[in-house]
N, C-alpha and C. Protein backbone atom coordinates (compact mmCIF):
# COMPACT_ATOMS: atom_id res chain seq x y z
N MET A 1 -21.89 13.29 -1.54
CA MET A 1 -20.84 12.66 -2.32
C MET A 1 -21.16 12.84 -3.80
N ALA A 2 -20.19 13.29 -4.57
CA ALA A 2 -20.38 13.54 -5.99
C ALA A 2 -20.54 12.22 -6.76
N ARG A 3 -21.16 12.30 -7.91
CA ARG A 3 -21.38 11.11 -8.73
C ARG A 3 -20.06 10.42 -9.07
N ALA A 4 -19.05 11.20 -9.44
CA ALA A 4 -17.75 10.61 -9.79
C ALA A 4 -17.17 9.83 -8.61
N ASP A 5 -17.36 10.33 -7.40
CA ASP A 5 -16.85 9.62 -6.21
C ASP A 5 -17.60 8.31 -6.01
N ARG A 6 -18.91 8.32 -6.21
CA ARG A 6 -19.70 7.10 -6.06
C ARG A 6 -19.31 6.06 -7.12
N VAL A 7 -19.11 6.53 -8.34
CA VAL A 7 -18.70 5.62 -9.42
C VAL A 7 -17.31 5.06 -9.14
N ALA A 8 -16.40 5.89 -8.63
CA ALA A 8 -15.04 5.43 -8.31
C ALA A 8 -15.08 4.34 -7.25
N GLU A 9 -15.91 4.52 -6.22
CA GLU A 9 -16.02 3.49 -5.17
C GLU A 9 -16.59 2.19 -5.73
N LEU A 10 -17.59 2.32 -6.60
CA LEU A 10 -18.19 1.14 -7.21
C LEU A 10 -17.17 0.42 -8.09
N ILE A 11 -16.41 1.17 -8.87
CA ILE A 11 -15.37 0.58 -9.72
C ILE A 11 -14.32 -0.11 -8.86
N LYS A 12 -13.92 0.52 -7.78
CA LYS A 12 -12.92 -0.08 -6.87
C LYS A 12 -13.40 -1.44 -6.38
N HIS A 13 -14.64 -1.49 -5.93
CA HIS A 13 -15.21 -2.75 -5.42
C HIS A 13 -15.27 -3.81 -6.53
N GLU A 14 -15.78 -3.42 -7.69
CA GLU A 14 -15.96 -4.37 -8.78
C GLU A 14 -14.63 -4.86 -9.33
N VAL A 15 -13.66 -3.97 -9.50
CA VAL A 15 -12.35 -4.39 -10.03
C VAL A 15 -11.66 -5.32 -9.04
N SER A 16 -11.80 -5.05 -7.75
CA SER A 16 -11.24 -5.97 -6.74
C SER A 16 -11.83 -7.36 -6.92
N ASP A 17 -13.13 -7.42 -7.11
CA ASP A 17 -13.80 -8.70 -7.29
C ASP A 17 -13.37 -9.37 -8.60
N ILE A 18 -13.24 -8.60 -9.65
CA ILE A 18 -12.83 -9.15 -10.95
C ILE A 18 -11.42 -9.73 -10.85
N ILE A 19 -10.50 -9.00 -10.22
CA ILE A 19 -9.12 -9.49 -10.08
C ILE A 19 -9.10 -10.77 -9.26
N THR A 20 -9.87 -10.79 -8.19
CA THR A 20 -9.87 -11.95 -7.29
C THR A 20 -10.54 -13.17 -7.90
N ARG A 21 -11.68 -12.96 -8.55
CA ARG A 21 -12.49 -14.10 -8.98
C ARG A 21 -12.45 -14.44 -10.47
N LYS A 22 -12.15 -13.46 -11.30
CA LYS A 22 -12.26 -13.70 -12.74
C LYS A 22 -10.93 -13.84 -13.48
N LEU A 23 -9.90 -13.18 -12.99
CA LEU A 23 -8.61 -13.25 -13.68
C LEU A 23 -7.86 -14.49 -13.20
N ASN A 24 -7.59 -15.37 -14.11
CA ASN A 24 -6.92 -16.63 -13.77
C ASN A 24 -5.47 -16.65 -14.23
N ASP A 25 -4.89 -15.49 -14.41
CA ASP A 25 -3.51 -15.39 -14.87
C ASP A 25 -2.58 -15.72 -13.69
N PRO A 26 -1.72 -16.73 -13.85
CA PRO A 26 -0.83 -17.11 -12.74
C PRO A 26 0.21 -16.03 -12.40
N ARG A 27 0.39 -15.05 -13.27
CA ARG A 27 1.34 -13.97 -12.98
C ARG A 27 0.81 -13.01 -11.93
N ILE A 28 -0.48 -13.02 -11.71
CA ILE A 28 -1.07 -12.08 -10.75
C ILE A 28 -0.89 -12.62 -9.35
N GLY A 29 -0.12 -11.87 -8.56
CA GLY A 29 0.12 -12.24 -7.19
C GLY A 29 -0.90 -11.60 -6.27
N PHE A 30 -0.52 -11.46 -4.99
CA PHE A 30 -1.41 -10.85 -4.01
C PHE A 30 -1.55 -9.37 -4.34
N THR A 31 -2.73 -8.99 -4.79
CA THR A 31 -2.98 -7.64 -5.28
C THR A 31 -4.21 -7.06 -4.59
N SER A 32 -4.10 -5.79 -4.24
CA SER A 32 -5.21 -5.09 -3.60
C SER A 32 -5.45 -3.77 -4.31
N VAL A 33 -6.71 -3.49 -4.64
CA VAL A 33 -7.06 -2.20 -5.24
C VAL A 33 -7.15 -1.19 -4.11
N THR A 34 -6.30 -0.18 -4.16
CA THR A 34 -6.24 0.80 -3.06
C THR A 34 -7.05 2.05 -3.34
N ALA A 35 -7.18 2.44 -4.61
CA ALA A 35 -7.92 3.65 -4.92
C ALA A 35 -8.29 3.66 -6.40
N VAL A 36 -9.28 4.47 -6.71
CA VAL A 36 -9.67 4.71 -8.10
C VAL A 36 -9.88 6.21 -8.25
N ASP A 37 -9.18 6.79 -9.21
CA ASP A 37 -9.36 8.21 -9.55
C ASP A 37 -10.12 8.27 -10.87
N ILE A 38 -11.20 9.01 -10.85
CA ILE A 38 -11.99 9.15 -12.07
C ILE A 38 -12.39 10.60 -12.21
N GLY A 39 -12.27 11.11 -13.40
CA GLY A 39 -12.63 12.50 -13.64
C GLY A 39 -14.14 12.70 -13.61
N ASN A 40 -14.56 13.94 -13.53
CA ASN A 40 -15.99 14.24 -13.53
C ASN A 40 -16.68 13.81 -14.81
N ASP A 41 -15.90 13.70 -15.90
CA ASP A 41 -16.49 13.28 -17.18
C ASP A 41 -16.64 11.75 -17.26
N LEU A 42 -16.11 11.02 -16.30
CA LEU A 42 -16.19 9.56 -16.21
C LEU A 42 -15.59 8.85 -17.43
N GLN A 43 -14.61 9.47 -18.06
CA GLN A 43 -14.01 8.89 -19.26
C GLN A 43 -12.84 7.94 -18.95
N ASN A 44 -12.05 8.26 -17.93
CA ASN A 44 -10.87 7.46 -17.58
C ASN A 44 -10.89 7.13 -16.09
N ALA A 45 -10.58 5.88 -15.79
CA ALA A 45 -10.50 5.44 -14.39
C ALA A 45 -9.09 4.94 -14.14
N LYS A 46 -8.34 5.69 -13.33
CA LYS A 46 -7.01 5.23 -12.92
C LYS A 46 -7.21 4.35 -11.69
N ILE A 47 -6.81 3.10 -11.83
CA ILE A 47 -7.00 2.12 -10.77
C ILE A 47 -5.65 1.84 -10.14
N TYR A 48 -5.51 2.21 -8.87
CA TYR A 48 -4.24 2.03 -8.16
C TYR A 48 -4.27 0.71 -7.42
N VAL A 49 -3.22 -0.10 -7.65
CA VAL A 49 -3.12 -1.41 -7.02
C VAL A 49 -1.84 -1.52 -6.21
N SER A 50 -1.97 -2.13 -5.06
CA SER A 50 -0.82 -2.44 -4.23
C SER A 50 -0.52 -3.92 -4.41
N ILE A 51 0.73 -4.23 -4.67
CA ILE A 51 1.12 -5.60 -4.96
C ILE A 51 2.16 -6.05 -3.94
N PHE A 52 1.91 -7.18 -3.32
CA PHE A 52 2.85 -7.74 -2.36
C PHE A 52 3.76 -8.72 -3.09
N GLY A 53 5.07 -8.55 -2.91
CA GLY A 53 6.01 -9.48 -3.53
C GLY A 53 7.31 -8.82 -3.90
N THR A 54 8.12 -9.57 -4.59
CA THR A 54 9.42 -9.08 -5.05
C THR A 54 9.22 -8.12 -6.22
N PRO A 55 10.24 -7.35 -6.56
CA PRO A 55 10.10 -6.47 -7.74
C PRO A 55 9.72 -7.24 -9.01
N GLY A 56 10.25 -8.43 -9.18
CA GLY A 56 9.90 -9.25 -10.34
C GLY A 56 8.45 -9.67 -10.33
N GLN A 57 7.95 -10.07 -9.16
CA GLN A 57 6.55 -10.46 -9.05
C GLN A 57 5.63 -9.27 -9.29
N LYS A 58 6.05 -8.09 -8.81
CA LYS A 58 5.25 -6.89 -9.03
C LYS A 58 5.18 -6.56 -10.52
N LYS A 59 6.31 -6.69 -11.20
CA LYS A 59 6.34 -6.42 -12.65
C LYS A 59 5.44 -7.41 -13.38
N ASP A 60 5.54 -8.68 -13.02
CA ASP A 60 4.70 -9.71 -13.66
C ASP A 60 3.22 -9.42 -13.44
N THR A 61 2.86 -9.02 -12.23
CA THR A 61 1.47 -8.72 -11.93
C THR A 61 0.99 -7.53 -12.75
N MET A 62 1.80 -6.47 -12.82
CA MET A 62 1.41 -5.30 -13.60
C MET A 62 1.28 -5.66 -15.08
N ASP A 63 2.19 -6.49 -15.60
CA ASP A 63 2.10 -6.94 -17.00
C ASP A 63 0.78 -7.69 -17.23
N ALA A 64 0.43 -8.56 -16.28
CA ALA A 64 -0.81 -9.32 -16.41
C ALA A 64 -2.03 -8.40 -16.35
N LEU A 65 -1.99 -7.41 -15.46
CA LEU A 65 -3.12 -6.47 -15.38
C LEU A 65 -3.24 -5.64 -16.65
N PHE A 66 -2.10 -5.20 -17.19
CA PHE A 66 -2.14 -4.44 -18.44
C PHE A 66 -2.75 -5.29 -19.56
N SER A 67 -2.37 -6.56 -19.62
CA SER A 67 -2.90 -7.42 -20.69
C SER A 67 -4.38 -7.74 -20.47
N ALA A 68 -4.87 -7.62 -19.24
CA ALA A 68 -6.28 -7.91 -18.94
C ALA A 68 -7.15 -6.66 -18.95
N THR A 69 -6.60 -5.52 -19.34
CA THR A 69 -7.33 -4.25 -19.28
C THR A 69 -8.66 -4.30 -20.03
N LYS A 70 -8.65 -4.82 -21.25
CA LYS A 70 -9.89 -4.89 -22.04
C LYS A 70 -10.91 -5.81 -21.39
N PHE A 71 -10.44 -6.93 -20.85
CA PHE A 71 -11.34 -7.86 -20.17
C PHE A 71 -11.96 -7.19 -18.95
N VAL A 72 -11.14 -6.50 -18.16
CA VAL A 72 -11.65 -5.82 -16.96
C VAL A 72 -12.68 -4.76 -17.35
N ARG A 73 -12.41 -4.01 -18.38
CA ARG A 73 -13.34 -2.97 -18.83
C ARG A 73 -14.66 -3.60 -19.30
N ARG A 74 -14.56 -4.69 -20.04
CA ARG A 74 -15.77 -5.38 -20.51
C ARG A 74 -16.58 -5.91 -19.33
N GLU A 75 -15.91 -6.48 -18.33
CA GLU A 75 -16.60 -6.97 -17.14
C GLU A 75 -17.28 -5.82 -16.39
N LEU A 76 -16.58 -4.69 -16.29
CA LEU A 76 -17.19 -3.51 -15.66
C LEU A 76 -18.45 -3.09 -16.42
N GLY A 77 -18.39 -3.16 -17.75
CA GLY A 77 -19.54 -2.80 -18.56
C GLY A 77 -20.75 -3.68 -18.25
N HIS A 78 -20.50 -4.97 -18.00
CA HIS A 78 -21.60 -5.88 -17.65
C HIS A 78 -22.15 -5.60 -16.26
N ARG A 79 -21.28 -5.19 -15.35
CA ARG A 79 -21.66 -5.02 -13.95
C ARG A 79 -22.23 -3.64 -13.62
N LEU A 80 -21.73 -2.62 -14.30
CA LEU A 80 -22.15 -1.25 -13.99
C LEU A 80 -23.26 -0.82 -14.94
N GLN A 81 -24.11 0.01 -14.44
CA GLN A 81 -25.18 0.53 -15.30
C GLN A 81 -24.83 1.96 -15.71
N LEU A 82 -23.80 2.04 -16.56
CA LEU A 82 -23.34 3.33 -17.06
C LEU A 82 -23.54 3.37 -18.58
N ARG A 83 -23.81 4.55 -19.08
CA ARG A 83 -23.95 4.71 -20.53
C ARG A 83 -22.62 4.40 -21.22
N ASP A 84 -21.53 4.98 -20.69
CA ASP A 84 -20.18 4.73 -21.22
C ASP A 84 -19.29 4.22 -20.10
N VAL A 85 -18.63 3.12 -20.36
CA VAL A 85 -17.70 2.56 -19.37
C VAL A 85 -16.37 3.28 -19.52
N PRO A 86 -15.80 3.77 -18.43
CA PRO A 86 -14.53 4.50 -18.53
C PRO A 86 -13.38 3.60 -18.99
N GLU A 87 -12.40 4.22 -19.62
CA GLU A 87 -11.16 3.51 -19.95
C GLU A 87 -10.48 3.14 -18.65
N VAL A 88 -9.89 1.96 -18.60
CA VAL A 88 -9.23 1.45 -17.40
C VAL A 88 -7.74 1.63 -17.54
N ILE A 89 -7.13 2.26 -16.54
CA ILE A 89 -5.69 2.49 -16.54
C ILE A 89 -5.16 2.01 -15.19
N PHE A 90 -4.33 0.97 -15.20
CA PHE A 90 -3.77 0.44 -13.96
C PHE A 90 -2.49 1.19 -13.61
N ARG A 91 -2.35 1.51 -12.32
CA ARG A 91 -1.16 2.17 -11.79
C ARG A 91 -0.75 1.43 -10.51
N GLN A 92 0.55 1.25 -10.36
CA GLN A 92 1.05 0.60 -9.14
C GLN A 92 1.10 1.61 -8.01
N ASP A 93 0.60 1.22 -6.86
CA ASP A 93 0.56 2.08 -5.68
C ASP A 93 1.55 1.54 -4.66
N ASP A 94 2.63 2.29 -4.43
CA ASP A 94 3.65 1.88 -3.47
C ASP A 94 3.49 2.57 -2.12
N SER A 95 2.39 3.27 -1.91
CA SER A 95 2.24 4.06 -0.68
C SER A 95 2.23 3.18 0.57
N ILE A 96 1.62 2.01 0.52
CA ILE A 96 1.59 1.12 1.69
C ILE A 96 3.01 0.66 2.01
N GLU A 97 3.74 0.28 0.97
CA GLU A 97 5.13 -0.17 1.16
C GLU A 97 6.00 0.96 1.71
N LYS A 98 5.82 2.16 1.17
CA LYS A 98 6.58 3.32 1.66
C LYS A 98 6.22 3.63 3.10
N GLY A 99 4.95 3.55 3.43
CA GLY A 99 4.51 3.78 4.81
C GLY A 99 5.10 2.77 5.76
N THR A 100 5.17 1.52 5.35
CA THR A 100 5.76 0.47 6.18
C THR A 100 7.24 0.76 6.42
N LYS A 101 7.94 1.21 5.39
CA LYS A 101 9.36 1.54 5.54
C LYS A 101 9.55 2.71 6.50
N VAL A 102 8.67 3.71 6.42
CA VAL A 102 8.75 4.85 7.34
C VAL A 102 8.56 4.37 8.78
N PHE A 103 7.55 3.51 9.02
CA PHE A 103 7.33 2.99 10.37
C PHE A 103 8.52 2.18 10.86
N GLU A 104 9.14 1.40 9.97
CA GLU A 104 10.33 0.64 10.36
C GLU A 104 11.46 1.57 10.78
N ILE A 105 11.65 2.64 10.04
CA ILE A 105 12.70 3.61 10.37
C ILE A 105 12.40 4.28 11.72
N ILE A 106 11.16 4.67 11.92
CA ILE A 106 10.76 5.31 13.18
C ILE A 106 10.97 4.35 14.34
N ASN A 107 10.58 3.08 14.18
CA ASN A 107 10.77 2.09 15.24
C ASN A 107 12.25 1.86 15.52
N LYS A 108 13.06 1.83 14.48
CA LYS A 108 14.50 1.64 14.65
C LYS A 108 15.10 2.83 15.42
N LEU A 109 14.71 4.04 15.04
CA LEU A 109 15.21 5.23 15.74
C LEU A 109 14.76 5.24 17.20
N HIS A 110 13.52 4.84 17.44
CA HIS A 110 13.01 4.78 18.81
C HIS A 110 13.80 3.77 19.64
N LYS A 111 14.09 2.61 19.05
CA LYS A 111 14.87 1.58 19.75
C LYS A 111 16.28 2.08 20.05
N GLU A 112 16.90 2.74 19.06
CA GLU A 112 18.24 3.29 19.27
C GLU A 112 18.23 4.34 20.38
N LYS A 113 17.20 5.15 20.42
CA LYS A 113 17.07 6.18 21.46
C LYS A 113 16.94 5.51 22.83
N GLU A 114 16.14 4.46 22.92
CA GLU A 114 15.99 3.74 24.18
C GLU A 114 17.30 3.07 24.59
N ASP A 115 18.04 2.53 23.63
CA ASP A 115 19.33 1.91 23.92
C ASP A 115 20.32 2.94 24.47
N VAL A 116 20.36 4.11 23.85
CA VAL A 116 21.24 5.18 24.31
C VAL A 116 20.83 5.63 25.71
N LYS A 117 19.54 5.76 25.94
CA LYS A 117 19.03 6.16 27.26
C LYS A 117 19.42 5.13 28.32
N GLY A 118 19.29 3.85 27.99
CA GLY A 118 19.68 2.79 28.91
C GLY A 118 21.17 2.83 29.22
N GLU A 119 21.99 3.06 28.22
CA GLU A 119 23.44 3.16 28.43
C GLU A 119 23.77 4.34 29.34
N ARG A 120 23.12 5.46 29.15
CA ARG A 120 23.35 6.64 30.00
C ARG A 120 22.98 6.34 31.45
N GLU A 121 21.87 5.64 31.64
CA GLU A 121 21.45 5.31 33.00
C GLU A 121 22.44 4.37 33.67
N LYS A 122 23.01 3.43 32.90
CA LYS A 122 24.02 2.52 33.44
C LYS A 122 25.25 3.31 33.89
N VAL A 123 25.67 4.25 33.02
CA VAL A 123 26.84 5.07 33.33
C VAL A 123 26.57 5.91 34.56
N LYS A 124 25.39 6.52 34.67
CA LYS A 124 25.03 7.32 35.84
C LYS A 124 25.02 6.46 37.09
N GLY A 125 24.48 5.25 36.98
CA GLY A 125 24.42 4.35 38.12
C GLY A 125 25.80 3.96 38.62
N LYS A 126 26.72 3.71 37.71
CA LYS A 126 28.09 3.35 38.08
C LYS A 126 28.79 4.52 38.75
N SER A 127 28.63 5.71 38.20
CA SER A 127 29.32 6.87 38.77
C SER A 127 28.70 7.24 40.12
N ALA A 128 27.41 7.02 40.31
CA ALA A 128 26.78 7.30 41.61
C ALA A 128 27.29 6.30 42.64
N GLY A 129 27.49 5.04 42.23
CA GLY A 129 28.02 4.02 43.13
C GLY A 129 29.44 4.30 43.52
N SER A 130 30.25 4.80 42.62
CA SER A 130 31.64 5.12 42.93
C SER A 130 31.72 6.34 43.83
N ASN A 131 30.79 7.28 43.69
CA ASN A 131 30.76 8.45 44.59
C ASN A 131 30.43 8.02 46.01
N LYS A 132 29.56 7.05 46.20
CA LYS A 132 29.21 6.56 47.53
C LYS A 132 30.42 5.91 48.17
N ARG A 133 31.18 5.13 47.38
CA ARG A 133 32.36 4.47 47.93
C ARG A 133 33.40 5.50 48.33
N ASN A 134 33.56 6.54 47.53
CA ASN A 134 34.55 7.56 47.83
C ASN A 134 34.18 8.32 49.10
N LYS A 135 32.89 8.53 49.38
CA LYS A 135 32.47 9.25 50.58
C LYS A 135 32.72 8.43 51.83
N LYS A 136 32.63 7.07 51.75
CA LYS A 136 32.87 6.24 52.92
C LYS A 136 34.33 6.25 53.33
N SER A 137 35.23 6.45 52.43
CA SER A 137 36.65 6.38 52.72
C SER A 137 37.16 7.50 53.53
């Protein structure tokens, strides 16, 4: 594992802890750090966060994280043993939400397919029953 990857994992863990335990901003809702991208030069750390809530709550959370950027960077400086602490850049990660929507669509299509299959079987059953009656006559 490259040094940048190890630092990114460490930053992910520490920023999660900082958001959970140190940021007391009431605008921050249920937030999860999903990934950290950091260049080989370790100058910038893009921190991707997934936020649960309404669009307004997500905006409020992102605003609070943007305003806490310097604090988060300073906390990272205290926690990490790096010569230079990378600049912190928060980005909203909607991939979990998009994935959930895709699964909902797939489940809906699967249910519709099963409903259509059930209707076809009912129709086949009725026509098979009417054929039996016609043969007896």
